[in-house]
PDB file of N, CA and C in Angstrom:
ATOM      1  N   MET A   1      12.298   3.776   8.814  1.00  0.00           N
ATOM      2  CA  MET A   1      11.298   2.610   8.217  1.00  0.00           C
ATOM      3  C   MET A   1      10.016   2.235   8.019  1.00  0.00           C
ATOM      4  N   ALA A   2       9.010   2.385   7.147  1.00  0.00           N
ATOM      5  CA  ALA A   2       8.103   2.554   7.147  1.00  0.00           C
ATOM      6  C   ALA A   2       7.392   1.362   7.307  1.00  0.00           C
ATOM      7  N   ARG A   3       6.307   1.598   7.887  1.00  0.00           N
ATOM      8  CA  ARG A   3       5.057   0.114   8.106  1.00  0.00           C
ATOM      9  C   ARG A   3       4.228  -0.172   7.546  1.00  0.00           C
ATOM     10  N   VAL A   4       3.610  -0.999   7.004  1.00  0.00           N
ATOM     11  CA  VAL A   4       2.538  -0.973   6.172  1.00  0.00           C
ATOM     12  C   VAL A   4       1.911  -2.009   6.531  1.00  0.00           C
ATOM     13  N   PHE A   5       0.309  -1.719   6.878  1.00  0.00           N
ATOM     14  CA  PHE A   5      -0.610  -2.470   7.355  1.00  0.00           C
ATOM     15  C   PHE A   5      -1.740  -2.569   6.195  1.00  0.00           C
ATOM     16  N   LEU A   6      -1.945  -4.324   6.051  1.00  0.00           N
ATOM     17  CA  LEU A   6      -2.686  -4.166   5.138  1.00  0.00           C
ATOM     18  C   LEU A   6      -3.781  -5.025   5.523  1.00  0.00           C
ATOM     19  N   PRO A   7      -5.008  -4.813   4.822  1.00  0.00           N
ATOM     20  CA  PRO A   7      -6.142  -5.626   5.197  1.00  0.00           C
ATOM     21  C   PRO A   7      -6.080  -6.846   5.192  1.00  0.00           C
ATOM     22  N   GLN A   8      -7.360  -7.672   5.766  1.00  0.00           N
ATOM     23  CA  GLN A   8      -7.624  -8.946   5.522  1.00  0.00           C
ATOM     24  C   GLN A   8      -7.775  -9.477   4.062  1.00  0.00           C
ATOM     25  N   GLN A   9      -8.063  -8.943   3.018  1.00  0.00           N
ATOM     26  CA  GLN A   9      -8.551  -9.016   1.597  1.00  0.00           C
ATOM     27  C   GLN A   9      -6.691  -9.101   0.906  1.00  0.00           C
ATOM     28  N   LEU A  10      -5.927  -8.637   1.575  1.00  0.00           N
ATOM     29  CA  LEU A  10      -4.706  -8.605   1.148  1.00  0.00           C
ATOM     30  C   LEU A  10      -3.914  -9.563   1.469  1.00  0.00           C
ATOM     31  N   HIS A  11      -4.083 -10.088   2.503  1.00  0.00           N
ATOM     32  CA  HIS A  11      -3.428 -11.177   3.176  1.00  0.00           C
ATOM     33  C   HIS A  11      -2.944 -12.165   2.087  1.00  0.00           C
ATOM     34  N   ARG A  12      -3.601 -12.895   0.931  1.00  0.00           N
ATOM     35  CA  ARG A  12      -3.500 -13.778   0.337  1.00  0.00           C
ATOM     36  C   ARG A  12      -2.371 -13.248  -0.795  1.00  0.00           C
ATOM     37  N   LEU A  13      -2.156 -11.851  -0.880  1.00  0.00           N
ATOM     38  CA  LEU A  13      -0.957 -11.843  -1.662  1.00  0.00           C
ATOM     39  C   LEU A  13       0.109 -11.915  -0.951  1.00  0.00           C
ATOM     40  N   THR A  14       0.388 -11.758   0.207  1.00  0.00           N
ATOM     41  CA  THR A  14       1.640 -11.639   0.690  1.00  0.00           C
ATOM     42  C   THR A  14       1.867 -13.030   1.849  1.00  0.00           C
ATOM     43  N   GLY A  15       1.083 -13.933   1.679  1.00  0.00           N
ATOM     44  CA  GLY A  15       1.637 -15.144   2.499  1.00  0.00           C
ATOM     45  C   GLY A  15       0.840 -14.965   3.392  1.00  0.00           C
ATOM     46  N   GLY A  16      -0.203 -14.382   3.560  1.00  0.00           N
ATOM     47  CA  GLY A  16      -0.809 -14.061   5.329  1.00  0.00           C
ATOM     48  C   GLY A  16      -0.076 -12.997   6.100  1.00  0.00           C
ATOM     49  N   ALA A  17       0.652 -12.393   5.662  1.00  0.00           N
ATOM     50  CA  ALA A  17       1.290 -11.225   6.276  1.00  0.00           C
ATOM     51  C   ALA A  17       0.255 -10.198   6.166  1.00  0.00           C
ATOM     52  N   ALA A  18       0.183  -9.506   7.701  1.00  0.00           N
ATOM     53  CA  ALA A  18      -0.715  -8.264   7.901  1.00  0.00           C
ATOM     54  C   ALA A  18       0.100  -7.026   8.167  1.00  0.00           C
ATOM     55  N   GLN A  19       1.709  -7.168   8.234  1.00  0.00           N
ATOM     56  CA  GLN A  19       2.212  -5.868   8.173  1.00  0.00           C
ATOM     57  C   GLN A  19       3.260  -6.045   7.737  1.00  0.00           C
ATOM     58  N   LEU A  20       3.968  -5.274   7.125  1.00  0.00           N
ATOM     59  CA  LEU A  20       5.287  -4.995   6.255  1.00  0.00           C
ATOM     60  C   LEU A  20       5.977  -3.805   6.750  1.00  0.00           C
ATOM     61  N   ASP A  21       7.505  -4.288   6.477  1.00  0.00           N
ATOM     62  CA  ASP A  21       8.239  -3.049   6.583  1.00  0.00           C
ATOM     63  C   ASP A  21       9.088  -2.956   5.412  1.00  0.00           C
ATOM     64  N   VAL A  22       8.861  -1.239   5.252  1.00  0.00           N
ATOM     65  CA  VAL A  22       9.630  -1.422   3.954  1.00  0.00           C
ATOM     66  C   VAL A  22      10.623  -0.173   4.041  1.00  0.00           C
ATOM     67  N   VAL A  23      11.481  -0.108   3.197  1.00  0.00           N
ATOM     68  CA  VAL A  23      12.308   1.072   2.771  1.00  0.00           C
ATOM     69  C   VAL A  23      12.365   1.852   1.466  1.00  0.00           C
ATOM     70  N   VAL A  24      11.384   3.097   1.399  1.00  0.00           N
ATOM     71  CA  VAL A  24      11.013   3.406  -0.011  1.00  0.00           C
ATOM     72  C   VAL A  24      11.080   5.032   0.494  1.00  0.00           C
ATOM     73  N   ASP A  25      11.019   5.959  -0.753  1.00  0.00           N
ATOM     74  CA  ASP A  25      11.268   7.083  -0.933  1.00  0.00           C
ATOM     75  C   ASP A  25       9.466   7.722  -1.464  1.00  0.00           C
ATOM     76  N   ASP A  26       8.854   7.105  -2.181  1.00  0.00           N
ATOM     77  CA  ASP A  26       7.877   7.283  -2.541  1.00  0.00           C
ATOM     78  C   ASP A  26       6.805   6.439  -2.921  1.00  0.00           C
ATOM     79  N   TYR A  27       5.780   6.360  -3.337  1.00  0.00           N
ATOM     80  CA  TYR A  27       4.758   5.462  -3.647  1.00  0.00           C
ATOM     81  C   TYR A  27       5.140   4.822  -4.974  1.00  0.00           C
ATOM     82  N   ARG A  28       6.036   5.170  -5.890  1.00  0.00           N
ATOM     83  CA  ARG A  28       5.991   4.412  -6.892  1.00  0.00           C
ATOM     84  C   ARG A  28       7.155   3.266  -6.558  1.00  0.00           C
ATOM     85  N   GLY A  29       8.241   3.702  -5.502  1.00  0.00           N
ATOM     86  CA  GLY A  29       9.016   2.645  -4.778  1.00  0.00           C
ATOM     87  C   GLY A  29       8.334   1.757  -3.869  1.00  0.00           C
ATOM     88  N   LEU A  30       7.388   2.316  -3.680  1.00  0.00           N
ATOM     89  CA  LEU A  30       6.409   1.462  -2.676  1.00  0.00           C
ATOM     90  C   LEU A  30       5.637   0.161  -3.315  1.00  0.00           C
ATOM     91  N   MET A  31       5.652   0.777  -4.732  1.00  0.00           N
ATOM     92  CA  MET A  31       4.885  -0.435  -4.921  1.00  0.00           C
ATOM     93  C   MET A  31       5.630  -1.325  -6.110  1.00  0.00           C
ATOM     94  N   ALA A  32       7.261  -1.065  -6.381  1.00  0.00           N
ATOM     95  CA  ALA A  32       7.956  -1.715  -7.113  1.00  0.00           C
ATOM     96  C   ALA A  32       8.422  -2.459  -6.159  1.00  0.00           C
ATOM     97  N   ASP A  33       8.870  -2.287  -4.850  1.00  0.00           N
ATOM     98  CA  ASP A  33       9.253  -3.155  -3.587  1.00  0.00           C
ATOM     99  C   ASP A  33       7.988  -4.130  -3.379  1.00  0.00           C
ATOM    100  N   LEU A  34       6.884  -3.618  -3.242  1.00  0.00           N
ATOM    101  CA  LEU A  34       5.646  -4.646  -2.936  1.00  0.00           C
ATOM    102  C   LEU A  34       5.372  -5.560  -3.687  1.00  0.00           C
ATOM    103  N   ASP A  35       5.561  -5.021  -5.368  1.00  0.00           N
ATOM    104  CA  ASP A  35       5.298  -5.934  -6.480  1.00  0.00           C
ATOM    105  C   ASP A  35       6.398  -7.140  -6.431  1.00  0.00           C
ATOM    106  N   ARG A  36       8.042  -6.663  -6.042  1.00  0.00           N
ATOM    107  CA  ARG A  36       9.080  -7.562  -6.617  1.00  0.00           C
ATOM    108  C   ARG A  36       8.988  -8.521  -5.387  1.00  0.00           C
ATOM    109  N   ARG A  37       8.175  -8.450  -3.847  1.00  0.00           N
ATOM    110  CA  ARG A  37       8.390  -9.294  -3.129  1.00  0.00           C
ATOM    111  C   ARG A  37       7.091  -9.617  -3.226  1.00  0.00           C
ATOM    112  N   PHE A  38       5.962  -9.409  -3.871  1.00  0.00           N
ATOM    113  CA  PHE A  38       5.023 -10.210  -3.881  1.00  0.00           C
ATOM    114  C   PHE A  38       4.280 -10.267  -5.098  1.00  0.00           C
ATOM    115  N   PRO A  39       4.981 -10.939  -6.192  1.00  0.00           N
ATOM    116  CA  PRO A  39       4.529 -10.583  -7.631  1.00  0.00           C
ATOM    117  C   PRO A  39       2.950 -10.739  -8.081  1.00  0.00           C
ATOM    118  N   GLY A  40       2.688  -9.642  -8.762  1.00  0.00           N
ATOM    119  CA  GLY A  40       0.960  -9.354  -8.763  1.00  0.00           C
ATOM    120  C   GLY A  40       0.221  -8.291  -7.919  1.00  0.00           C
ATOM    121  N   PHE A  41       1.098  -7.952  -6.592  1.00  0.00           N
ATOM    122  CA  PHE A  41       0.270  -7.178  -5.792  1.00  0.00           C
ATOM    123  C   PHE A  41       0.068  -5.879  -6.929  1.00  0.00           C
ATOM    124  N   ARG A  42       0.859  -5.418  -7.069  1.00  0.00           N
ATOM    125  CA  ARG A  42       0.413  -3.689  -7.760  1.00  0.00           C
ATOM    126  C   ARG A  42      -0.999  -4.222  -8.460  1.00  0.00           C
ATOM    127  N   HIS A  43      -1.075  -5.044  -9.488  1.00  0.00           N
ATOM    128  CA  HIS A  43      -1.930  -5.465 -10.368  1.00  0.00           C
ATOM    129  C   HIS A  43      -3.356  -5.353  -9.538  1.00  0.00           C
ATOM    130  N   ALA A  44      -3.011  -5.876  -8.258  1.00  0.00           N
ATOM    131  CA  ALA A  44      -4.164  -6.462  -7.524  1.00  0.00           C
ATOM    132  C   ALA A  44      -4.795  -5.502  -6.670  1.00  0.00           C
ATOM    133  N   ILE A  45      -4.118  -4.130  -6.497  1.00  0.00           N
ATOM    134  CA  ILE A  45      -4.708  -3.138  -5.711  1.00  0.00           C
ATOM    135  C   ILE A  45      -5.136  -1.882  -6.454  1.00  0.00           C
ATOM    136  N   GLU A  46      -4.660  -2.279  -7.993  1.00  0.00           N
ATOM    137  CA  GLU A  46      -4.730  -0.679  -8.385  1.00  0.00           C
ATOM    138  C   GLU A  46      -6.245   0.073  -8.390  1.00  0.00           C
ATOM    139  N   GLN A  47      -7.173  -0.989  -8.713  1.00  0.00           N
ATOM    140  CA  GLN A  47      -8.549  -0.215  -9.031  1.00  0.00           C
ATOM    141  C   GLN A  47      -9.217  -0.117  -7.419  1.00  0.00           C
ATOM    142  N   ASP A  48      -8.732  -1.352  -6.985  1.00  0.00           N
ATOM    143  CA  ASP A  48      -9.715  -1.234  -5.538  1.00  0.00           C
ATOM    144  C   ASP A  48      -9.311  -0.711  -4.351  1.00  0.00           C
ATOM    145  N   PHE A  49      -7.873  -0.045  -4.281  1.00  0.00           N
ATOM    146  CA  PHE A  49      -7.608   0.214  -2.795  1.00  0.00           C
ATOM    147  C   PHE A  49      -7.014   1.322  -2.988  1.00  0.00           C
ATOM    148  N   ALA A  50      -7.468   2.158  -1.753  1.00  0.00           N
ATOM    149  CA  ALA A  50      -6.755   3.524  -1.469  1.00  0.00           C
ATOM    150  C   ALA A  50      -5.617   3.605  -0.698  1.00  0.00           C
ATOM    151  N   LEU A  51      -4.886   4.634  -0.778  1.00  0.00           N
ATOM    152  CA  LEU A  51      -3.461   4.394  -0.119  1.00  0.00           C
ATOM    153  C   LEU A  51      -3.880   5.856   1.127  1.00  0.00           C
ATOM    154  N   VAL A  52      -3.319   5.203   2.443  1.00  0.00           N
ATOM    155  CA  VAL A  52      -3.257   6.120   3.591  1.00  0.00           C
ATOM    156  C   VAL A  52      -2.193   6.093   4.011  1.00  0.00           C
ATOM    157  N   ILE A  53      -1.458   7.589   3.962  1.00  0.00           N
ATOM    158  CA  ILE A  53      -0.617   7.550   4.544  1.00  0.00           C
ATOM    159  C   ILE A  53      -0.219   8.512   5.821  1.00  0.00           C
ATOM    160  N   ASP A  54      -0.222   8.228   6.959  1.00  0.00           N
ATOM    161  CA  ASP A  54      -0.349   8.785   8.324  1.00  0.00           C
ATOM    162  C   ASP A  54      -1.618   9.403   8.425  1.00  0.00           C
ATOM    163  N   GLY A  55      -2.959   8.721   8.054  1.00  0.00           N
ATOM    164  CA  GLY A  55      -4.018   8.935   8.196  1.00  0.00           C
ATOM    165  C   GLY A  55      -4.652   9.772   7.244  1.00  0.00           C
ATOM    166  N   ASP A  56      -4.015  10.328   6.065  1.00  0.00           N
ATOM    167  CA  ASP A  56      -4.312  11.109   5.167  1.00  0.00           C
ATOM    168  C   ASP A  56      -4.585   9.884   3.879  1.00  0.00           C
ATOM    169  N   ILE A  57      -6.241  10.422   3.624  1.00  0.00           N
ATOM    170  CA  ILE A  57      -6.379   9.604   2.154  1.00  0.00           C
ATOM    171  C   ILE A  57      -5.566  10.014   1.317  1.00  0.00           C
ATOM    172  N   ILE A  58      -4.825   9.352   0.261  1.00  0.00           N
ATOM    173  CA  ILE A  58      -4.344  10.092  -0.760  1.00  0.00           C
ATOM    174  C   ILE A  58      -5.037   9.535  -2.183  1.00  0.00           C
ATOM    175  N   ASN A  59      -5.539  10.334  -2.891  1.00  0.00           N
ATOM    176  CA  ASN A  59      -6.707  10.025  -4.169  1.00  0.00           C
ATOM    177  C   ASN A  59      -5.681   9.812  -5.322  1.00  0.00           C
ATOM    178  N   ASP A  60      -4.434  10.672  -5.725  1.00  0.00           N
ATOM    179  CA  ASP A  60      -3.786  10.270  -6.473  1.00  0.00           C
ATOM    180  C   ASP A  60      -2.191  10.012  -6.301  1.00  0.00           C
ATOM    181  N   PRO A  61      -1.792   8.794  -5.406  1.00  0.00           N
ATOM    182  CA  PRO A  61      -0.920   8.691  -4.929  1.00  0.00           C
ATOM    183  C   PRO A  61       0.964   8.675  -6.408  1.00  0.00           C
ATOM    184  N   LEU A  62       0.435   8.786  -7.221  1.00  0.00           N
ATOM    185  CA  LEU A  62       1.403   8.688  -8.099  1.00  0.00           C
ATOM    186  C   LEU A  62       3.016   9.131  -7.681  1.00  0.00           C
ATOM    187  N   LEU A  63       2.876  10.252  -7.301  1.00  0.00           N
ATOM    188  CA  LEU A  63       3.965  11.154  -7.030  1.00  0.00           C
ATOM    189  C   LEU A  63       4.283  11.345  -5.464  1.00  0.00           C
ATOM    190  N   GLU A  64       3.439  10.753  -4.490  1.00  0.00           N
ATOM    191  CA  GLU A  64       3.093  10.915  -3.095  1.00  0.00           C
ATOM    192  C   GLU A  64       4.665  10.508  -2.288  1.00  0.00           C
ATOM    193  N   ALA A  65       5.507  11.340  -1.733  1.00  0.00           N
ATOM    194  CA  ALA A  65       6.839  11.166  -0.892  1.00  0.00           C
ATOM    195  C   ALA A  65       5.818   9.981   0.265  1.00  0.00           C
ATOM    196  N   ILE A  66       6.752   9.087   0.515  1.00  0.00           N
ATOM    197  CA  ILE A  66       6.701   8.577   2.059  1.00  0.00           C
ATOM    198  C   ILE A  66       7.902   8.555   3.096  1.00  0.00           C
ATOM    199  N   PRO A  67       7.628   9.299   3.966  1.00  0.00           N
ATOM    200  CA  PRO A  67       8.225   9.585   4.992  1.00  0.00           C
ATOM    201  C   PRO A  67       9.223   8.193   5.832  1.00  0.00           C
ATOM    202  N   ALA A  68       9.990   7.930   5.610  1.00  0.00           N
ATOM    203  CA  ALA A  68      10.775   6.817   6.650  1.00  0.00           C
ATOM    204  C   ALA A  68      10.060   6.526   7.610  1.00  0.00           C
ATOM    205  N   ASP A  69       9.047   7.286   8.401  1.00  0.00           N
ATOM    206  CA  ASP A  69       8.324   6.287   9.910  1.00  0.00           C
ATOM    207  C   ASP A  69       6.951   6.540   9.549  1.00  0.00           C
ATOM    208  N   SER A  70       6.551   6.390   8.728  1.00  0.00           N
ATOM    209  CA  SER A  70       5.092   6.724   8.182  1.00  0.00           C
ATOM    210  C   SER A  70       4.532   5.311   8.199  1.00  0.00           C
ATOM    211  N   GLU A  71       3.200   5.564   8.786  1.00  0.00           N
ATOM    212  CA  GLU A  71       2.002   4.035   8.811  1.00  0.00           C
ATOM    213  C   GLU A  71       1.402   4.330   7.381  1.00  0.00           C
ATOM    214  N   ILE A  72       1.525   3.113   6.958  1.00  0.00           N
ATOM    215  CA  ILE A  72       0.903   3.172   5.514  1.00  0.00           C
ATOM    216  C   ILE A  72      -0.395   2.171   5.611  1.00  0.00           C
ATOM    217  N   HIS A  73      -1.744   2.180   5.062  1.00  0.00           N
ATOM    218  CA  HIS A  73      -3.016   1.478   5.134  1.00  0.00           C
ATOM    219  C   HIS A  73      -3.211   1.481   3.951  1.00  0.00           C
ATOM    220  N   PHE A  74      -4.270   0.381   3.089  1.00  0.00           N
ATOM    221  CA  PHE A  74      -4.233   0.039   1.839  1.00  0.00           C
ATOM    222  C   PHE A  74      -5.965  -0.195   2.380  1.00  0.00           C
ATOM    223  N   LEU A  75      -6.822   0.599   1.716  1.00  0.00           N
ATOM    224  CA  LEU A  75      -8.105   0.330   2.528  1.00  0.00           C
ATOM    225  C   LEU A  75      -8.895   0.253   1.184  1.00  0.00           C
ATOM    226  N   HIS A  76     -10.139  -0.586   1.284  1.00  0.00           N
ATOM    227  CA  HIS A  76     -10.846  -1.004   0.162  1.00  0.00           C
ATOM    228  C   HIS A  76     -11.373   0.066  -0.282  1.00  0.00           C
ATOM    229  N   ARG A  77     -11.901   0.480  -1.634  1.00  0.00           N
ATOM    230  CA  ARG A  77     -12.357   1.812  -1.789  1.00  0.00           C
ATOM    231  C   ARG A  77     -14.114   1.302  -2.031  1.00  0.00           C
ATOM    232  N   LEU A  78     -14.796   2.466  -1.400  1.00  0.00           N
ATOM    233  CA  LEU A  78     -16.136   2.209  -1.538  1.00  0.00           C
ATOM    234  C   LEU A  78     -16.783   2.427  -2.599  1.00  0.00           C
ATOM    235  N   GLY A  79     -17.745   1.950  -3.213  1.00  0.00           N
ATOM    236  CA  GLY A  79     -18.767   2.714  -4.523  1.00  0.00           C
ATOM    237  C   GLY A  79     -19.955   2.996  -3.740  1.00  0.00           C
ATOM    238  N   GLY A  80     -20.149   3.828  -4.400  1.00  0.00           N
ATOM    239  CA  GLY A  80     -21.560   4.321  -4.774  1.00  0.00           C
ATOM    240  C   GLY A  80     -21.960   5.093  -5.666  1.00  0.00           C
ATOM    241  N   GLY A  81     -23.325   6.216  -5.444  1.00  0.00           N
ATOM    242  CA  GLY A  81     -23.544   6.776  -6.538  1.00  0.00           C
ATOM    243  C   GLY A  81     -24.922   7.141  -6.185  1.00  0.00           C
TER     244      GLY A  81
END
């Protein structure tokens, strides 16, 4: 079971939950599970948050596998220029 850690900005989407346990195989499964549990979750994070799996920032996570014992974090993207 993977554990998802959510930053403060996302707690409003999860009813205040800061950590969630998920059983998924990949990023698409993760998004489907979180969106099922918290309708609108996927849409709310698509542009503004990056995915981190076990300390590695994943820039294009669409096909990314998620090992069962992973730590998953969503980090607010930083703008710059």
